[in-house]
Amino acid sequence: MATTLPPTQLTSITIADSALTADETTTVTLTFDRLVRNVTAANLEVPAGTLLSNMRPVENRPNNLSRTWKVTLTPPADTAQTPQTIRLKNLDGVKDTTNDQPVAAASLGPCEYTVNTQRPTLAGATMVNGALVLSYTDATSLDATNKPDAEAFTVRGGSGPAIIVSYVRVDATAKTVTLVLARAVRHGELVTVSYTDPTSGNDSNAIQNAAGNDAASFSNQAVTHNTPVDTRPPSISSLYSTIRTDPLSTADIGPFNQACLRIDKPSATVTLKFTQPVKGLGASNVVLRNGVGTMSTPTAVNPDAGGHSDTWTFTLSAPAGATDSNGSLPIAVNLSGVTNHDGVQGSATEAYAGVQYTVDVTRPTVTHATVTGNQLVLTWSETLDIRTSLASTAFAVTVDGTARDVSAVAMNYAAKTVTLTLSSPVSRLHEVKAATPTPRPVTMASASYRTAPATTPPASRKWR
């Protein structure tokens, strides 16, 4: 007697990911107790807007027979947190190996999951207490932990360069993203902000809600603000103004608010730093007290479209034939005619720029020379620089017209002397001459110089 088998049954419907967010898909699995064929997405009932695609057998058997079937589920877009259900609709067209239609097992229930594919939506951009605040709408809250990088934003004011975003903070409950800007927004300035989501998917560092759904990128969003007129008059920031004889060198002599104009470096770059961007600074605004030096026309550094900049530079030079200054010379600025973005003018009173300079263009000279044995002592007109070191080859010594080698050089900076040790002593009544055959650095205590080739006065000693 033949045995009658119970009908083939669909025993379960399961889902791989039961909490779906934006840009996610998942796999739904149908499991039968025996081999079946012809399973399609039409056999399932899913919520409106849900897409089922690529129904496929898992087992590689002839005639596409398989106990397990999988289908890809894509949730509807822009859907708030919602419970969803997959149910068996029917088993029409499904056949087992005996060509019979399976049935649903008595224990088969619905497959439940949740969907939250709603992205935060930008509601507006405003300036609040000097910061740019982006407001969002969302059914839940924003993620304050995995916030976007500052580089994801571009803020522009007027037609000038982008305003740097220094810091980003997110208020999850208020659903706001606050951008701290490197400079203040000015009265009447047209400000826009753009944001770039790192990738098309959900990212760890992005504007996102608690479910992890990224907000969309946007471009040139107008920023509302009522920034008042800046009534502060322009002023000099003496703390950050500098003067340097060699702007490209890290080994420049002295602090950056002092410089010495000298023969080898007769000019210096002066940088004036203002407390706010200004325009209208000209040569007539810079006051060189005591009239020592000449200057170029000040130039704005990286000015905006209106010519405003908080940094201006000019070149200060020692005039030809200048005499040495008596002490340090301060640089002052008359801010009359210098205005900020709102047209507020600076004071006509001279303001100290925080930098000062000296002028020293006198070369040290040899005042006299003496010789004792093999020691030739050259005495100079000024105190020598302790940093100077001279090689013996810097000097040419002759005794009665015959060259005499120099074996060592010793400098006494305070005594203003250079002592040359000769290769042999000098006898009585011989004429000794010393010269530098090429320009050599001979220096004063305050600055470096190069002496021109010159023969020193004769050095002699009379013997009794």
Protein backbone atom coordinates (compact mmCIF):
# COMPACT_ATOMS: atom_id res chain seq x y z
CA MET A 1 0.00 0.00 0.00
CA ALA A 2 1.43 3.37 -1.03
CA THR A 3 2.19 5.95 1.63
CA THR A 4 0.55 9.33 1.22
CA LEU A 5 2.88 12.20 2.14
CA PRO A 6 1.54 15.37 3.72
CA PRO A 7 1.66 18.39 1.42
CA THR A 8 4.85 20.39 1.10
CA GLN A 9 4.84 23.33 3.55
CA LEU A 10 6.30 26.84 3.72
CA THR A 11 7.67 26.76 7.27
CA SER A 12 9.19 30.24 7.75
CA ILE A 13 9.73 33.74 6.41
CA THR A 14 12.70 35.56 7.94
CA ILE A 15 14.50 38.86 7.34
CA ALA A 16 18.26 39.46 7.68
CA ASP A 17 18.06 43.06 8.96
CA SER A 18 15.04 43.95 11.05
CA ALA A 19 15.86 47.70 11.34
CA LEU A 20 16.34 49.34 7.96
CA THR A 21 17.62 52.88 7.37
CA ALA A 22 18.18 55.02 4.28
CA ASP A 23 20.20 53.46 1.44
CA GLU A 24 19.93 50.00 2.98
CA THR A 25 18.54 46.80 1.50
CA THR A 26 18.11 43.41 3.14
CA THR A 27 17.41 39.77 2.28
CA VAL A 28 14.16 37.94 2.97
CA THR A 29 14.40 34.13 3.18
CA LEU A 30 11.56 31.66 2.52
CA THR A 31 12.10 28.12 3.80
CA PHE A 32 10.10 25.04 2.67
CA ASP A 33 10.27 21.55 4.11
CA ARG A 34 10.79 20.00 0.67
CA LEU A 35 12.13 21.02 -2.72
CA VAL A 36 9.98 23.50 -4.65
CA ARG A 37 10.21 25.61 -7.81
CA ASN A 38 8.63 28.72 -9.35
CA VAL A 39 8.66 30.89 -6.21
CA THR A 40 8.20 34.60 -7.11
CA ALA A 41 7.94 37.96 -5.35
CA ALA A 42 4.21 37.92 -6.14
CA ASN A 43 3.78 35.21 -3.50
CA LEU A 44 4.53 37.76 -0.75
CA GLU A 45 2.60 40.75 0.56
CA VAL A 46 4.72 43.78 1.55
CA PRO A 47 3.91 47.38 2.60
CA ALA A 48 3.30 50.03 -0.04
CA GLY A 49 6.46 51.43 -1.56
CA THR A 50 8.52 48.36 -0.67
CA LEU A 51 10.39 46.73 -3.55
CA LEU A 52 11.08 42.98 -3.83
CA SER A 53 13.63 41.95 -6.42
CA ASN A 54 15.81 39.05 -7.53
CA MET A 55 13.92 36.08 -6.11
CA ARG A 56 16.38 33.18 -6.38
CA PRO A 57 16.87 29.54 -5.26
CA VAL A 58 19.68 28.93 -2.83
CA GLU A 59 20.34 25.28 -3.73
CA ASN A 60 21.88 24.58 -7.11
CA ARG A 61 19.58 21.75 -8.29
CA PRO A 62 18.09 20.83 -11.67
CA ASN A 63 14.88 22.64 -12.65
CA ASN A 64 15.62 25.38 -10.09
CA LEU A 65 14.41 23.19 -7.25
CA SER A 66 15.33 24.37 -3.77
CA ARG A 67 14.09 24.21 -0.20
CA THR A 68 15.35 27.77 0.48
CA TRP A 69 14.59 30.89 -1.58
CA LYS A 70 15.87 34.43 -1.11
CA VAL A 71 14.62 37.81 -2.32
CA THR A 72 16.06 41.33 -1.93
CA LEU A 73 13.89 43.88 -0.09
CA THR A 74 14.33 47.66 -0.55
CA PRO A 75 12.33 49.81 1.89
CA PRO A 76 10.45 52.96 0.76
CA ALA A 77 12.36 56.24 0.88
CA ASP A 78 11.65 59.10 3.29
CA THR A 79 9.71 56.98 5.71
CA ALA A 80 9.69 57.79 9.41
CA GLN A 81 10.16 55.16 12.10
CA THR A 82 7.45 52.63 11.22
CA PRO A 83 6.82 48.94 12.00
CA GLN A 84 6.49 46.88 8.81
CA THR A 85 5.25 43.34 8.10
CA ILE A 86 5.87 40.74 5.38
CA ARG A 87 3.10 38.15 4.94
CA LEU A 88 2.50 35.20 2.69
CA LYS A 89 0.03 36.30 0.04
CA ASN A 90 -0.40 32.96 -1.70
CA LEU A 91 1.56 30.06 -3.18
CA ASP A 92 0.08 30.27 -6.61
CA GLY A 93 2.34 28.78 -9.24
CA VAL A 94 4.70 27.14 -6.74
CA LYS A 95 5.18 23.42 -7.33
CA ASP A 96 6.98 20.64 -5.50
CA THR A 97 8.63 17.59 -7.07
CA THR A 98 5.25 15.88 -7.42
CA ASN A 99 3.87 18.95 -9.16
CA ASP A 100 1.63 19.73 -6.21
CA GLN A 101 1.20 23.22 -4.73
CA PRO A 102 2.65 23.65 -1.22
CA VAL A 103 0.68 25.03 1.68
CA ALA A 104 1.56 27.32 4.57
CA ALA A 105 2.54 25.61 7.79
CA ALA A 106 0.17 26.18 10.67
CA SER A 107 3.00 27.80 12.63
CA LEU A 108 3.87 30.28 9.85
CA GLY A 109 3.44 33.83 11.07
CA PRO A 110 4.20 37.32 9.67
CA CYS A 111 7.76 38.61 9.47
CA GLU A 112 8.09 41.95 11.27
CA TYR A 113 10.73 44.69 10.93
CA THR A 114 11.06 48.48 11.18
CA VAL A 115 11.89 51.13 8.62
CA ASN A 116 13.38 54.59 9.20
CA THR A 117 14.61 56.03 5.93
CA GLN A 118 13.73 59.64 6.63
CA ARG A 119 16.71 62.01 6.32
CA PRO A 120 17.13 65.20 8.34
CA THR A 121 15.87 68.12 6.24
CA LEU A 122 17.49 71.56 6.28
CA ALA A 123 15.00 74.15 7.52
CA GLY A 124 17.21 77.26 7.42
CA ALA A 125 20.51 78.95 8.21
CA THR A 126 20.91 81.94 10.52
CA MET A 127 23.64 83.81 12.40
CA VAL A 128 23.22 83.54 16.16
CA ASN A 129 25.68 85.33 18.47
CA GLY A 130 28.37 85.31 15.80
CA ALA A 131 27.97 81.61 14.90
CA LEU A 132 26.24 80.12 11.87
CA VAL A 133 23.39 77.81 12.91
CA LEU A 134 21.82 75.25 10.57
CA SER A 135 18.34 74.14 11.69
CA TYR A 136 16.96 70.72 10.70
CA THR A 137 13.62 68.95 10.89
CA ASP A 138 13.49 65.24 11.69
CA ALA A 139 11.07 62.81 13.31
CA THR A 140 13.70 61.76 15.86
CA SER A 141 16.86 63.68 16.80
CA LEU A 142 20.31 64.38 15.37
CA ASP A 143 23.45 62.42 16.18
CA ALA A 144 25.70 64.68 18.26
CA THR A 145 28.51 62.11 18.55
CA ASN A 146 29.28 61.33 14.91
CA LYS A 147 29.32 64.93 13.72
CA PRO A 148 30.67 66.15 10.35
CA ASP A 149 34.17 67.57 9.86
CA ALA A 150 34.62 71.33 9.51
CA GLU A 151 36.02 70.76 6.01
CA ALA A 152 32.61 69.49 4.87
CA PHE A 153 31.31 73.08 4.93
CA THR A 154 32.06 76.08 2.73
CA VAL A 155 30.98 79.48 4.01
CA ARG A 156 31.34 82.53 1.78
CA GLY A 157 30.83 86.18 2.53
CA GLY A 158 30.26 88.53 -0.38
CA SER A 159 32.69 87.80 -3.21
CA GLY A 160 35.74 87.37 -0.99
CA PRO A 161 37.55 84.20 0.00
CA ALA A 162 35.78 81.46 1.93
CA ILE A 163 35.31 82.01 5.66
CA ILE A 164 37.08 79.22 7.51
CA VAL A 165 34.91 76.99 9.73
CA SER A 166 36.89 76.51 12.93
CA TYR A 167 34.64 74.10 14.80
CA VAL A 168 31.36 72.17 14.43
CA ARG A 169 28.97 71.27 17.22
CA VAL A 170 25.63 69.43 17.04
CA ASP A 171 22.67 69.81 19.41
CA ALA A 172 20.79 66.52 19.10
CA THR A 173 17.59 67.68 20.81
CA ALA A 174 17.38 71.11 19.18
CA LYS A 175 18.33 69.50 15.82
CA THR A 176 20.85 72.21 15.03
CA VAL A 177 24.37 72.19 13.59
CA THR A 178 26.43 75.19 14.71
CA LEU A 179 29.47 76.38 12.76
CA VAL A 180 32.01 78.50 14.64
CA LEU A 181 33.60 80.84 12.08
CA ALA A 182 37.16 82.12 12.00
CA ARG A 183 35.99 85.67 11.42
CA ALA A 184 32.88 87.65 12.18
CA VAL A 185 30.19 88.22 9.58
CA ARG A 186 29.91 91.90 8.70
CA HIS A 187 26.88 94.16 8.57
CA GLY A 188 25.10 93.81 5.24
CA GLU A 189 27.37 91.01 4.05
CA LEU A 190 25.76 88.41 1.80
CA VAL A 191 26.62 85.05 3.34
CA THR A 192 26.03 81.57 1.91
CA VAL A 193 26.83 78.11 3.22
CA SER A 194 27.30 74.80 1.41
CA TYR A 195 27.61 71.27 2.79
CA THR A 196 28.97 68.13 1.15
CA ASP A 197 27.94 64.72 2.45
CA PRO A 198 31.11 62.56 2.35
CA THR A 199 29.57 59.76 0.23
CA SER A 200 26.25 58.74 -1.27
CA GLY A 201 25.72 56.23 1.54
CA ASN A 202 25.41 56.71 5.29
CA ASP A 203 28.70 57.85 6.79
CA SER A 204 30.13 57.83 10.29
CA ASN A 205 31.01 61.55 10.18
CA ALA A 206 28.12 63.46 8.66
CA ILE A 207 24.99 65.40 9.53
CA GLN A 208 22.72 62.50 10.47
CA ASN A 209 19.81 61.58 12.68
CA ALA A 210 19.78 59.06 15.50
CA ALA A 211 19.00 56.29 13.04
CA GLY A 212 22.16 57.09 11.09
CA ASN A 213 20.46 58.57 8.02
CA ASP A 214 22.65 61.25 6.45
CA ALA A 215 21.31 64.66 5.56
CA ALA A 216 21.62 65.56 1.90
CA SER A 217 24.31 67.87 0.53
CA PHE A 218 23.27 71.43 -0.30
CA SER A 219 24.87 74.41 -2.06
CA ASN A 220 24.79 78.17 -1.54
CA GLN A 221 22.12 78.22 1.15
CA ALA A 222 21.45 81.88 2.02
CA VAL A 223 22.24 82.76 5.64
CA THR A 224 19.91 85.14 7.46
CA HIS A 225 21.60 87.61 9.77
CA ASN A 226 21.13 91.04 11.30
CA THR A 227 24.74 91.80 12.15
CA PRO A 228 24.91 95.42 13.40
CA VAL A 229 27.28 98.06 12.05
CA ASP A 230 30.80 97.65 13.44
CA THR A 231 31.34 100.98 15.17
CA ARG A 232 34.82 100.14 16.40
CA PRO A 233 37.43 102.39 14.76
CA PRO A 234 40.38 100.60 13.13
CA SER A 235 43.37 100.11 15.40
CA ILE A 236 46.84 98.59 15.25
CA SER A 237 47.53 95.23 16.88
CA SER A 238 51.02 96.00 18.18
CA LEU A 239 51.33 92.48 19.59
CA TYR A 240 51.33 90.90 16.11
CA SER A 241 53.03 93.56 13.99
CA THR A 242 56.60 92.68 12.95
CA ILE A 243 59.74 94.01 11.27
CA ARG A 244 62.30 91.65 9.72
CA THR A 245 65.38 92.21 7.61
CA ASP A 246 65.13 88.68 6.22
CA PRO A 247 61.48 87.52 6.15
CA LEU A 248 62.32 84.10 4.70
CA SER A 249 64.97 83.21 7.28
CA THR A 250 64.31 81.57 10.62
CA ALA A 251 67.72 82.74 11.80
CA ASP A 252 66.99 86.46 11.60
CA ILE A 253 68.84 88.52 14.19
CA GLY A 254 66.84 89.67 17.18
CA PRO A 255 63.12 89.57 17.96
CA PHE A 256 60.57 90.15 15.22
CA ASN A 257 59.55 93.58 16.55
CA GLN A 258 63.08 95.01 16.21
CA ALA A 259 65.49 95.32 13.31
CA CYS A 260 68.71 97.06 12.35
CA LEU A 261 69.19 98.53 8.88
CA ARG A 262 72.81 98.01 7.97
CA ILE A 263 75.11 97.86 4.99
CA ASP A 264 74.54 94.19 4.11
CA LYS A 265 70.81 94.35 4.92
CA PRO A 266 69.75 97.94 4.28
CA SER A 267 66.03 97.20 4.16
CA ALA A 268 63.40 95.41 6.24
CA THR A 269 59.85 94.17 5.67
CA VAL A 270 57.38 95.75 8.07
CA THR A 271 54.10 93.92 8.67
CA LEU A 272 51.28 95.92 10.25
CA LYS A 273 48.52 93.86 11.83
CA PHE A 274 45.13 95.48 12.43
CA THR A 275 42.37 94.37 14.77
CA GLN A 276 39.97 94.17 11.80
CA PRO A 277 40.19 94.32 7.99
CA VAL A 278 40.79 97.87 6.75
CA LYS A 279 41.46 99.74 3.53
CA GLY A 280 42.90 103.15 2.66
CA LEU A 281 46.33 102.69 4.28
CA GLY A 282 48.92 104.71 2.36
CA ALA A 283 52.51 105.83 2.78
CA SER A 284 51.30 109.09 4.33
CA ASN A 285 49.71 107.14 7.19
CA VAL A 286 53.01 105.61 8.29
CA VAL A 287 55.12 107.88 10.46
CA LEU A 288 58.88 107.27 10.60
CA ARG A 289 59.84 109.30 13.61
CA ASN A 290 62.98 111.44 13.34
CA GLY A 291 62.76 111.05 9.57
CA VAL A 292 65.32 108.24 9.29
CA GLY A 293 64.57 105.83 6.45
CA THR A 294 62.40 105.61 3.36
CA MET A 295 59.45 103.33 2.75
CA SER A 296 57.46 101.78 -0.09
CA THR A 297 53.70 102.11 -0.47
CA PRO A 298 51.90 99.74 1.94
CA THR A 299 50.33 96.70 0.27
CA ALA A 300 47.34 94.71 1.53
CA VAL A 301 47.92 90.98 2.09
CA ASN A 302 45.15 88.78 0.60
CA PRO A 303 42.62 91.61 0.40
CA ASP A 304 38.94 90.90 -0.12
CA ALA A 305 36.96 92.15 -3.08
CA GLY A 306 36.64 95.58 -1.47
CA GLY A 307 40.38 95.90 -0.82
CA HIS A 308 40.11 95.32 2.93
CA SER A 309 42.74 93.32 4.80
CA ASP A 310 43.84 93.02 8.41
CA THR A 311 47.49 92.64 7.31
CA TRP A 312 49.54 95.24 5.40
CA THR A 313 53.25 95.26 4.52
CA PHE A 314 55.81 97.74 3.26
CA THR A 315 59.57 97.88 2.80
CA LEU A 316 61.61 100.16 5.04
CA SER A 317 65.05 101.14 3.73
CA ALA A 318 68.03 103.07 5.07
CA PRO A 319 68.57 106.09 2.79
CA ALA A 320 71.85 106.43 0.94
CA GLY A 321 74.41 108.31 2.98
CA ALA A 322 72.35 107.94 6.16
CA THR A 323 74.02 108.54 9.47
CA ASP A 324 73.63 106.11 12.33
CA SER A 325 70.53 106.50 14.47
CA ASN A 326 70.88 107.41 18.09
CA GLY A 327 68.90 104.62 19.72
CA SER A 328 65.78 102.80 18.55
CA LEU A 329 63.31 104.47 16.21
CA PRO A 330 59.63 103.58 16.68
CA ILE A 331 57.18 103.31 13.80
CA ALA A 332 53.77 104.90 14.28
CA VAL A 333 50.58 104.91 12.21
CA ASN A 334 48.12 107.76 11.67
CA LEU A 335 44.80 106.01 10.97
CA SER A 336 43.00 109.02 9.53
CA GLY A 337 41.34 107.90 6.28
CA VAL A 338 41.79 104.22 7.14
CA THR A 339 38.33 102.62 7.31
CA ASN A 340 36.75 99.28 8.18
CA HIS A 341 34.05 97.50 6.16
CA ASP A 342 31.34 99.71 7.61
CA GLY A 343 33.18 102.93 6.74
CA VAL A 344 34.23 103.71 10.32
CA GLN A 345 37.45 105.74 10.24
CA GLY A 346 40.47 105.42 12.48
CA SER A 347 41.89 108.09 14.74
CA ALA A 348 44.26 110.78 13.48
CA THR A 349 46.34 110.34 16.62
CA GLU A 350 49.58 108.49 15.95
CA ALA A 351 49.46 104.93 17.27
CA TYR A 352 52.65 103.00 18.06
CA ALA A 353 52.82 100.00 15.71
CA GLY A 354 54.77 97.84 18.14
CA VAL A 355 57.92 97.73 16.01
CA GLN A 356 61.15 99.71 16.10
CA TYR A 357 64.43 99.84 14.25
CA THR A 358 67.92 101.26 14.29
CA VAL A 359 70.13 102.47 11.44
CA ASP A 360 73.84 101.65 11.47
CA VAL A 361 75.58 102.04 8.13
CA THR A 362 79.03 103.07 9.36
CA ARG A 363 81.79 100.56 8.62
CA PRO A 364 84.25 99.75 11.39
CA THR A 365 87.73 101.01 10.49
CA VAL A 366 91.22 100.29 11.77
CA THR A 367 92.43 103.21 13.88
CA HIS A 368 95.95 101.95 14.55
CA ALA A 369 98.11 98.82 14.53
CA THR A 370 101.06 97.67 16.66
CA VAL A 371 103.39 94.69 16.51
CA THR A 372 105.27 92.93 19.26
CA GLY A 373 107.31 89.91 18.21
CA ASN A 374 104.93 87.77 16.19
CA GLN A 375 101.79 89.47 17.54
CA LEU A 376 100.17 92.06 15.24
CA VAL A 377 97.32 93.91 17.01
CA LEU A 378 94.74 95.81 14.92
CA THR A 379 92.53 98.24 16.86
CA TRP A 380 89.13 99.11 15.39
CA SER A 381 86.90 102.16 15.68
CA GLU A 382 83.89 100.31 17.12
CA THR A 383 83.02 97.43 19.39
CA LEU A 384 83.14 94.18 17.45
CA ASP A 385 80.41 91.57 17.20
CA ILE A 386 80.93 88.56 19.44
CA ARG A 387 79.45 86.30 16.77
CA THR A 388 82.17 87.10 14.26
CA SER A 389 84.90 84.56 13.57
CA LEU A 390 87.65 85.28 11.02
CA ALA A 391 90.01 82.83 9.35
CA SER A 392 93.70 83.58 9.05
CA THR A 393 93.30 83.61 5.27
CA ALA A 394 91.16 86.75 5.62
CA PHE A 395 94.36 88.79 6.14
CA ALA A 396 97.44 89.47 4.02
CA VAL A 397 100.48 90.67 5.99
CA THR A 398 103.71 91.95 4.46
CA VAL A 399 106.97 92.76 6.25
CA ASP A 400 109.08 95.16 4.19
CA GLY A 401 107.01 94.11 1.19
CA THR A 402 107.47 90.36 1.75
CA ALA A 403 104.42 88.25 2.62
CA ARG A 404 104.32 86.88 6.15
CA ASP A 405 101.85 84.05 6.92
CA VAL A 406 99.14 84.48 9.57
CA SER A 407 98.84 81.33 11.67
CA ALA A 408 96.04 82.39 14.06
CA VAL A 409 93.46 85.12 14.63
CA ALA A 410 92.16 86.17 18.05
CA MET A 411 89.41 88.74 18.58
CA ASN A 412 88.82 90.81 21.71
CA TYR A 413 85.35 92.15 21.08
CA ALA A 414 85.13 94.57 23.98
CA ALA A 415 88.66 95.91 23.43
CA LYS A 416 87.90 96.35 19.70
CA THR A 417 91.05 94.45 18.72
CA VAL A 418 91.99 91.67 16.32
CA THR A 419 95.34 90.01 17.08
CA LEU A 420 97.15 88.20 14.28
CA THR A 421 99.76 85.60 15.15
CA LEU A 422 102.47 85.73 12.48
CA SER A 423 104.51 82.77 11.32
CA SER A 424 107.71 84.44 12.65
CA PRO A 425 108.57 87.49 14.80
CA VAL A 426 109.16 90.92 13.28
CA SER A 427 112.58 92.45 13.79
CA ARG A 428 113.22 96.09 14.65
CA LEU A 429 112.65 98.93 12.21
CA HIS A 430 110.72 96.79 9.76
CA GLU A 431 107.59 98.16 8.16
CA VAL A 432 104.58 95.87 8.57
CA LYS A 433 101.38 96.19 6.58
CA ALA A 434 98.17 94.18 6.98
CA ALA A 435 95.28 94.08 4.53
CA THR A 436 92.13 92.10 3.80
CA PRO A 437 92.53 90.96 0.19
CA THR A 438 88.74 90.42 -0.22
CA PRO A 439 85.75 91.90 1.63
CA ARG A 440 85.35 90.15 4.95
CA PRO A 441 82.63 90.44 7.62
CA VAL A 442 83.97 92.78 10.27
CA THR A 443 81.21 93.61 12.67
CA MET A 444 79.95 95.84 15.40
CA ALA A 445 78.14 94.66 18.48
CA SER A 446 74.73 95.54 17.07
CA ALA A 447 74.99 94.59 13.40
CA SER A 448 76.98 92.83 10.69
CA TYR A 449 79.02 94.64 8.03
CA ARG A 450 81.43 93.90 5.21
CA THR A 451 84.57 96.00 4.98
CA ALA A 452 85.87 97.06 1.63
CA PRO A 453 89.43 95.93 0.69
CA ALA A 454 91.77 98.39 2.31
CA THR A 455 95.33 98.51 3.60
CA THR A 456 95.62 99.32 7.28
CA PRO A 457 98.01 101.99 8.57
CA PRO A 458 101.59 100.72 8.94
CA ALA A 459 102.17 98.78 12.16
CA SER A 460 105.64 99.36 13.60
CA ARG A 461 107.77 99.17 16.69
CA LYS A 462 111.03 100.94 17.31
CA TRP A 463 113.75 99.10 19.20
CA ARG A 464 116.19 100.90 21.46
